[in-house]
C-alpha atoms as a PDB file:
ATOM      1  CA  MET A   1      84.606 151.260  84.282  1.00  0.00           C
ATOM      2  CA  LYS A   2      82.603 148.763  82.230  1.00  0.00           C
ATOM      3  CA  LYS A   3      84.763 148.164  78.767  1.00  0.00           C
ATOM      4  CA  GLU A   4      82.171 148.853  75.625  1.00  0.00           C
ATOM      5  CA  ALA A   5      82.066 145.430  73.349  1.00  0.00           C
ATOM      6  CA  PRO A   6      83.303 146.102  69.977  1.00  0.00           C
ATOM      7  CA  GLU A   7      80.874 146.536  67.004  1.00  0.00           C
ATOM      8  CA  TYR A   8      81.818 143.169  65.580  1.00  0.00           C
ATOM      9  CA  LYS A   9      81.093 141.445  68.846  1.00  0.00           C
ATOM     10  CA  LYS A  10      77.491 143.390  68.811  1.00  0.00           C
ATOM     11  CA  LYS A  11      76.620 142.557  65.062  1.00  0.00           C
ATOM     12  CA  ILE A  12      77.731 138.686  66.019  1.00  0.00           C
ATOM     13  CA  VAL A  13      75.443 138.546  69.031  1.00  0.00           C
ATOM     14  CA  LYS A  14      72.514 140.606  67.343  1.00  0.00           C
ATOM     15  CA  GLU A  15      72.764 137.960  64.470  1.00  0.00           C
ATOM     16  CA  LEU A  16      72.729 135.128  66.800  1.00  0.00           C
ATOM     17  CA  SER A  17      69.760 136.659  68.753  1.00  0.00           C
ATOM     18  CA  ASP A  18      67.673 136.695  65.415  1.00  0.00           C
ATOM     19  CA  LEU A  19      68.567 133.403  64.442  1.00  0.00           C
ATOM     20  CA  ILE A  20      67.127 132.346  67.815  1.00  0.00           C
ATOM     21  CA  LYS A  21      63.959 134.021  67.360  1.00  0.00           C
ATOM     22  CA  LYS A  22      63.337 132.962  63.519  1.00  0.00           C
ATOM     23  CA  ASN A  23      64.210 129.474  64.060  1.00  0.00           C
ATOM     24  CA  ARG A  24      62.444 126.056  66.000  1.00  0.00           C
ATOM     25  CA  THR A  25      65.684 124.496  66.442  1.00  0.00           C
ATOM     26  CA  ILE A  26      69.099 125.157  68.386  1.00  0.00           C
ATOM     27  CA  LEU A  27      71.474 122.432  67.929  1.00  0.00           C
ATOM     28  CA  ILE A  28      75.195 122.092  69.507  1.00  0.00           C
ATOM     29  CA  ALA A  29      77.792 120.147  68.011  1.00  0.00           C
ATOM     30  CA  SER A  30      81.349 119.426  68.849  1.00  0.00           C
ATOM     31  CA  ILE A  31      83.868 120.041  66.101  1.00  0.00           C
ATOM     32  CA  SER A  32      87.121 119.348  67.770  1.00  0.00           C
ATOM     33  CA  GLU A  33      89.933 118.377  65.549  1.00  0.00           C
ATOM     34  CA  LEU A  34      87.366 118.885  62.379  1.00  0.00           C
ATOM     35  CA  PRO A  35      89.197 120.886  59.642  1.00  0.00           C
ATOM     36  CA  THR A  36      87.785 124.179  58.313  1.00  0.00           C
ATOM     37  CA  SER A  37      87.087 122.326  54.982  1.00  0.00           C
ATOM     38  CA  GLN A  38      84.752 119.780  56.377  1.00  0.00           C
ATOM     39  CA  ILE A  39      82.652 122.380  58.241  1.00  0.00           C
ATOM     40  CA  GLN A  40      82.346 124.278  55.091  1.00  0.00           C
ATOM     41  CA  LYS A  41      81.243 120.875  53.099  1.00  0.00           C
ATOM     42  CA  ILE A  42      78.505 120.502  56.198  1.00  0.00           C
ATOM     43  CA  GLN A  43      77.506 123.916  55.750  1.00  0.00           C
ATOM     44  CA  LYS A  44      76.937 123.588  51.939  1.00  0.00           C
ATOM     45  CA  GLY A  45      75.409 119.958  52.385  1.00  0.00           C
ATOM     46  CA  LEU A  46      72.640 121.367  54.724  1.00  0.00           C
ATOM     47  CA  ARG A  47      71.547 123.798  51.903  1.00  0.00           C
ATOM     48  CA  LYS A  48      68.320 125.524  53.277  1.00  0.00           C
ATOM     49  CA  LYS A  49      67.715 123.332  55.999  1.00  0.00           C
ATOM     50  CA  GLY A  50      69.925 124.840  58.261  1.00  0.00           C
ATOM     51  CA  ILE A  51      72.353 127.845  58.939  1.00  0.00           C
ATOM     52  CA  VAL A  52      75.820 126.606  60.769  1.00  0.00           C
ATOM     53  CA  LYS A  53      77.965 129.240  62.903  1.00  0.00           C
ATOM     54  CA  VAL A  54      80.899 128.855  64.867  1.00  0.00           C
ATOM     55  CA  PRO A  55      81.309 131.950  67.357  1.00  0.00           C
ATOM     56  CA  LYS A  56      83.020 132.083  70.345  1.00  0.00           C
ATOM     57  CA  LYS A  57      81.305 130.601  73.258  1.00  0.00           C
ATOM     58  CA  ASN A  58      80.814 133.826  75.241  1.00  0.00           C
ATOM     59  CA  LEU A  59      78.990 135.368  72.422  1.00  0.00           C
ATOM     60  CA  ILE A  60      76.660 132.441  72.025  1.00  0.00           C
ATOM     61  CA  PHE A  61      75.737 132.756  75.940  1.00  0.00           C
ATOM     62  CA  LEU A  62      75.086 136.680  75.370  1.00  0.00           C
ATOM     63  CA  ALA A  63      72.601 135.439  72.596  1.00  0.00           C
ATOM     64  CA  ILE A  64      70.803 132.781  74.703  1.00  0.00           C
ATOM     65  CA  ASP A  65      70.655 135.687  77.665  1.00  0.00           C
ATOM     66  CA  SER A  66      69.267 138.102  75.363  1.00  0.00           C
ATOM     67  CA  SER A  67      66.385 135.740  74.638  1.00  0.00           C
ATOM     68  CA  LYS A  68      65.132 136.077  78.169  1.00  0.00           C
ATOM     69  CA  ASN A  69      64.316 132.272  78.023  1.00  0.00           C
ATOM     70  CA  LYS A  70      64.967 130.438  81.211  1.00  0.00           C
ATOM     71  CA  GLU A  71      64.740 127.097  79.726  1.00  0.00           C
ATOM     72  CA  LEU A  72      66.820 127.995  76.833  1.00  0.00           C
ATOM     73  CA  GLU A  73      69.722 129.024  79.312  1.00  0.00           C
ATOM     74  CA  LYS A  74      69.974 125.381  80.149  1.00  0.00           C
ATOM     75  CA  LEU A  75      71.783 124.821  76.738  1.00  0.00           C
ATOM     76  CA  LYS A  76      74.569 126.803  78.223  1.00  0.00           C
ATOM     77  CA  GLU A  77      75.732 124.064  80.647  1.00  0.00           C
ATOM     78  CA  LYS A  78      76.312 121.812  77.247  1.00  0.00           C
ATOM     79  CA  ILE A  79      78.530 124.336  75.378  1.00  0.00           C
ATOM     80  CA  LYS A  80      82.137 122.692  76.127  1.00  0.00           C
ATOM     81  CA  GLY A  81      85.186 123.132  74.013  1.00  0.00           C
ATOM     82  CA  ASN A  82      85.257 124.036  70.188  1.00  0.00           C
ATOM     83  CA  VAL A  83      81.290 123.815  69.082  1.00  0.00           C
ATOM     84  CA  ALA A  84      79.168 124.897  66.352  1.00  0.00           C
ATOM     85  CA  ILE A  85      75.866 125.872  66.796  1.00  0.00           C
ATOM     86  CA  LEU A  86      73.174 125.137  64.172  1.00  0.00           C
ATOM     87  CA  PHE A  87      69.783 126.871  63.634  1.00  0.00           C
ATOM     88  CA  SER A  88      67.110 125.114  61.863  1.00  0.00           C
ATOM     89  CA  GLN A  89      63.141 125.056  61.055  1.00  0.00           C
ATOM     90  CA  LEU A  90      63.494 121.298  61.307  1.00  0.00           C
ATOM     91  CA  GLU A  91      62.591 119.531  64.601  1.00  0.00           C
ATOM     92  CA  THR A  92      65.820 117.992  66.707  1.00  0.00           C
ATOM     93  CA  PHE A  93      65.890 114.382  65.209  1.00  0.00           C
ATOM     94  CA  GLU A  94      65.216 115.608  61.674  1.00  0.00           C
ATOM     95  CA  LEU A  95      67.987 118.089  61.702  1.00  0.00           C
ATOM     96  CA  ALA A  96      70.178 115.186  63.420  1.00  0.00           C
ATOM     97  CA  LYS A  97      69.386 112.949  60.739  1.00  0.00           C
ATOM     98  CA  GLU A  98      70.508 115.586  58.005  1.00  0.00           C
ATOM     99  CA  LEU A  99      73.612 115.834  60.085  1.00  0.00           C
ATOM    100  CA  GLU A 100      74.522 112.094  59.684  1.00  0.00           C
ATOM    101  CA  LYS A 101      73.972 112.141  56.183  1.00  0.00           C
ATOM    102  CA  ASN A 102      76.477 114.828  55.812  1.00  0.00           C
ATOM    103  CA  LYS A 103      79.118 112.707  57.433  1.00  0.00           C
ATOM    104  CA  THR A 104      82.372 111.754  54.960  1.00  0.00           C
ATOM    105  CA  PRO A 105      85.043 109.271  54.777  1.00  0.00           C
ATOM    106  CA  ALA A 106      87.997 110.262  56.742  1.00  0.00           C
ATOM    107  CA  LYS A 107      91.566 108.298  56.668  1.00  0.00           C
ATOM    108  CA  ALA A 108      92.805 106.316  59.721  1.00  0.00           C
ATOM    109  CA  ARG A 109      95.408 107.760  62.252  1.00  0.00           C
ATOM    110  CA  PRO A 110      97.705 105.439  64.457  1.00  0.00           C
ATOM    111  CA  GLY A 111      96.462 104.852  67.736  1.00  0.00           C
ATOM    112  CA  GLN A 112      92.635 105.031  66.604  1.00  0.00           C
ATOM    113  CA  LYS A 113      90.249 102.294  67.479  1.00  0.00           C
ATOM    114  CA  ALA A 114      88.834 100.466  64.275  1.00  0.00           C
ATOM    115  CA  PRO A 115      85.078 101.221  63.794  1.00  0.00           C
ATOM    116  CA  ARG A 116      84.829  97.849  62.236  1.00  0.00           C
ATOM    117  CA  ASP A 117      87.004  94.896  60.850  1.00  0.00           C
ATOM    118  CA  ILE A 118      89.091  96.838  57.808  1.00  0.00           C
ATOM    119  CA  GLU A 119      90.080  94.691  55.284  1.00  0.00           C
ATOM    120  CA  VAL A 120      92.630  94.920  52.203  1.00  0.00           C
ATOM    121  CA  PRO A 121      90.684  93.714  49.300  1.00  0.00           C
ATOM    122  CA  ALA A 122      92.405  91.075  46.943  1.00  0.00           C
ATOM    123  CA  GLY A 123      92.564  92.651  43.579  1.00  0.00           C
ATOM    124  CA  PRO A 124      95.059  95.155  41.569  1.00  0.00           C
ATOM    125  CA  THR A 125      96.383  98.280  42.937  1.00  0.00           C
ATOM    126  CA  ASP A 126      98.359 101.123  41.483  1.00  0.00           C
ATOM    127  CA  LEU A 127     101.191 100.524  44.146  1.00  0.00           C
ATOM    128  CA  VAL A 128     104.720 100.055  41.859  1.00  0.00           C
ATOM    129  CA  PRO A 129     107.353  97.420  43.427  1.00  0.00           C
ATOM    130  CA  GLY A 130     109.812  98.968  45.664  1.00  0.00           C
ATOM    131  CA  PRO A 131     109.273  99.959  49.508  1.00  0.00           C
ATOM    132  CA  ALA A 132     105.685  99.041  49.586  1.00  0.00           C
ATOM    133  CA  ILE A 133     106.163  94.854  48.875  1.00  0.00           C
ATOM    134  CA  SER A 134     108.014  94.803  52.300  1.00  0.00           C
ATOM    135  CA  GLU A 135     105.391  96.825  54.136  1.00  0.00           C
ATOM    136  CA  LEU A 136     102.401  94.488  52.722  1.00  0.00           C
ATOM    137  CA  GLY A 137     104.606  91.594  53.548  1.00  0.00           C
ATOM    138  CA  ALA A 138     104.588  92.791  57.095  1.00  0.00           C
ATOM    139  CA  LEU A 139     101.254  92.879  57.615  1.00  0.00           C
ATOM    140  CA  GLY A 140     101.089  89.187  56.118  1.00  0.00           C
ATOM    141  CA  ILE A 141      99.445  90.434  52.824  1.00  0.00           C
ATOM    142  CA  LYS A 142     100.296  88.390  49.717  1.00  0.00           C
ATOM    143  CA  ILE A 143     101.130  89.901  46.680  1.00  0.00           C
ATOM    144  CA  LYS A 144     102.164  89.098  43.229  1.00  0.00           C
ATOM    145  CA  ILE A 145     103.386  91.856  40.095  1.00  0.00           C
ATOM    146  CA  GLU A 146     101.418  91.990  37.218  1.00  0.00           C
ATOM    147  CA  LYS A 147     102.048  94.551  34.208  1.00  0.00           C
ATOM    148  CA  GLY A 148     104.573  96.523  36.750  1.00  0.00           C
ATOM    149  CA  LYS A 149     102.081  96.843  39.517  1.00  0.00           C
ATOM    150  CA  ILE A 150     101.304  95.362  42.927  1.00  0.00           C
ATOM    151  CA  HIS A 151      98.392  92.812  42.590  1.00  0.00           C
ATOM    152  CA  ILE A 152      97.023  91.340  46.158  1.00  0.00           C
ATOM    153  CA  GLN A 153      96.264  88.036  46.005  1.00  0.00           C
ATOM    154  CA  GLU A 154      94.097  87.172  49.081  1.00  0.00           C
ATOM    155  CA  SER A 155      91.890  89.768  51.040  1.00  0.00           C
ATOM    156  CA  LYS A 156      93.416  90.648  54.479  1.00  0.00           C
ATOM    157  CA  ILE A 157      92.001  92.072  57.867  1.00  0.00           C
ATOM    158  CA  ILE A 158      94.663  94.616  59.082  1.00  0.00           C
ATOM    159  CA  ALA A 159      92.840  95.819  61.866  1.00  0.00           C
ATOM    160  CA  LYS A 160      90.052  94.120  64.065  1.00  0.00           C
ATOM    161  CA  VAL A 161      86.864  95.940  65.263  1.00  0.00           C
ATOM    162  CA  GLY A 162      87.791  97.535  68.480  1.00  0.00           C
ATOM    163  CA  GLY A 163      91.279  97.193  67.960  1.00  0.00           C
ATOM    164  CA  GLU A 164      94.067  99.771  67.894  1.00  0.00           C
ATOM    165  CA  ILE A 165      95.221 101.010  64.323  1.00  0.00           C
ATOM    166  CA  SER A 166      98.975 100.418  63.836  1.00  0.00           C
ATOM    167  CA  SER A 167     101.144 103.214  62.479  1.00  0.00           C
ATOM    168  CA  GLU A 168     101.783 100.513  59.291  1.00  0.00           C
ATOM    169  CA  ALA A 169      98.097  99.663  58.858  1.00  0.00           C
ATOM    170  CA  ALA A 170      97.403 103.486  58.868  1.00  0.00           C
ATOM    171  CA  ASP A 171     100.162 104.129  56.574  1.00  0.00           C
ATOM    172  CA  LEU A 172      98.929 101.326  54.232  1.00  0.00           C
ATOM    173  CA  MET A 173      95.369 102.435  54.255  1.00  0.00           C
ATOM    174  CA  SER A 174      96.551 105.748  53.275  1.00  0.00           C
ATOM    175  CA  LYS A 175      98.337 104.677  50.224  1.00  0.00           C
ATOM    176  CA  LEU A 176      95.392 102.212  49.078  1.00  0.00           C
ATOM    177  CA  ASP A 177      92.836 105.186  49.766  1.00  0.00           C
ATOM    178  CA  ILE A 178      90.999 102.988  52.551  1.00  0.00           C
ATOM    179  CA  LYS A 179      88.799 105.243  54.500  1.00  0.00           C
ATOM    180  CA  PRO A 180      87.384 103.470  57.373  1.00  0.00           C
ATOM    181  CA  PHE A 181      85.923 106.386  59.535  1.00  0.00           C
ATOM    182  CA  LEU A 182      83.034 108.863  58.721  1.00  0.00           C
ATOM    183  CA  VAL A 183      83.654 112.299  60.310  1.00  0.00           C
ATOM    184  CA  GLY A 184      81.192 115.378  60.827  1.00  0.00           C
ATOM    185  CA  PHE A 185      79.789 117.021  63.684  1.00  0.00           C
ATOM    186  CA  ILE A 186      79.385 115.275  66.918  1.00  0.00           C
ATOM    187  CA  GLN A 187      76.161 115.987  68.060  1.00  0.00           C
ATOM    188  CA  SER A 188      75.493 116.982  71.710  1.00  0.00           C
ATOM    189  CA  SER A 189      72.356 118.942  72.860  1.00  0.00           C
ATOM    190  CA  SER A 190      69.553 120.656  71.082  1.00  0.00           C
ATOM    191  CA  PHE A 191      66.751 122.983  72.270  1.00  0.00           C
ATOM    192  CA  ASP A 192      63.202 122.717  70.596  1.00  0.00           C
ATOM    193  CA  LEU A 193      61.858 126.528  70.944  1.00  0.00           C
ATOM    194  CA  LYS A 194      58.766 125.366  69.717  1.00  0.00           C
ATOM    195  CA  GLU A 195      58.319 122.601  72.326  1.00  0.00           C
ATOM    196  CA  ASN A 196      60.800 124.689  74.879  1.00  0.00           C
ATOM    197  CA  LYS A 197      62.478 121.601  75.332  1.00  0.00           C
ATOM    198  CA  LEU A 198      65.998 120.535  75.851  1.00  0.00           C
ATOM    199  CA  TYR A 199      67.310 117.391  74.324  1.00  0.00           C
ATOM    200  CA  GLU A 200      70.573 115.902  75.574  1.00  0.00           C
ATOM    201  CA  TYR A 201      70.779 112.329  73.628  1.00  0.00           C
ATOM    202  CA  ILE A 202      70.376 113.113  69.957  1.00  0.00           C
ATOM    203  CA  LYS A 203      72.650 110.641  68.125  1.00  0.00           C
ATOM    204  CA  ILE A 204      71.055 108.825  65.211  1.00  0.00           C
ATOM    205  CA  ASN A 205      71.603 105.175  64.450  1.00  0.00           C
ATOM    206  CA  LYS A 206      69.204 104.188  61.824  1.00  0.00           C
ATOM    207  CA  GLU A 207      70.628 100.473  61.492  1.00  0.00           C
ATOM    208  CA  GLU A 208      70.780 100.036  65.398  1.00  0.00           C
ATOM    209  CA  ALA A 209      67.108 101.679  65.721  1.00  0.00           C
ATOM    210  CA  LEU A 210      65.770  99.558  63.074  1.00  0.00           C
ATOM    211  CA  LYS A 211      67.311  96.139  64.402  1.00  0.00           C
ATOM    212  CA  LYS A 212      65.722  97.220  67.721  1.00  0.00           C
ATOM    213  CA  LEU A 213      62.383  97.762  66.005  1.00  0.00           C
END
């Protein structure tokens, strides 16, 4: 015997099905390790440019199946792990660009690869003398004390691009409010319902594209 699906699941599938019918673009993005607060910020940042949903994978599949679109069913293969599904009237690359703009700075964690040379700049800090003195010294940072606060005498790179960030460097960056990463949705695939076409490589790197041009 087939078990009847709960009403709330039917409601979600119906909502997703309606969004498929009403929009041009369906974009899949990974949200692994992304906090709920960040997802909510992205939702607000998109405003009227897109709708973000985070349903269970099987409910997305049911909504796609209900569309009766064989080409759209290819998108199911790209839905892996924790994902958000976005619906928009924008075409794929316009929506991808909006998502890039909605990325926010994030603190470093030990073991992450540095996205660039991470520098502790010279100048005043809010750190008071104490354990911080030895922590800075261990990273080769020259300091002096001014008006009861630690002042960094010379700028110092504490993590090289591509290198692993140490726990000491990550802890210091946190204390100095240095946020070297940008976090947000990791875009994987998108489907254009107007063109009936699947896009698999939609990462937008404006600086790199301009350099190539």
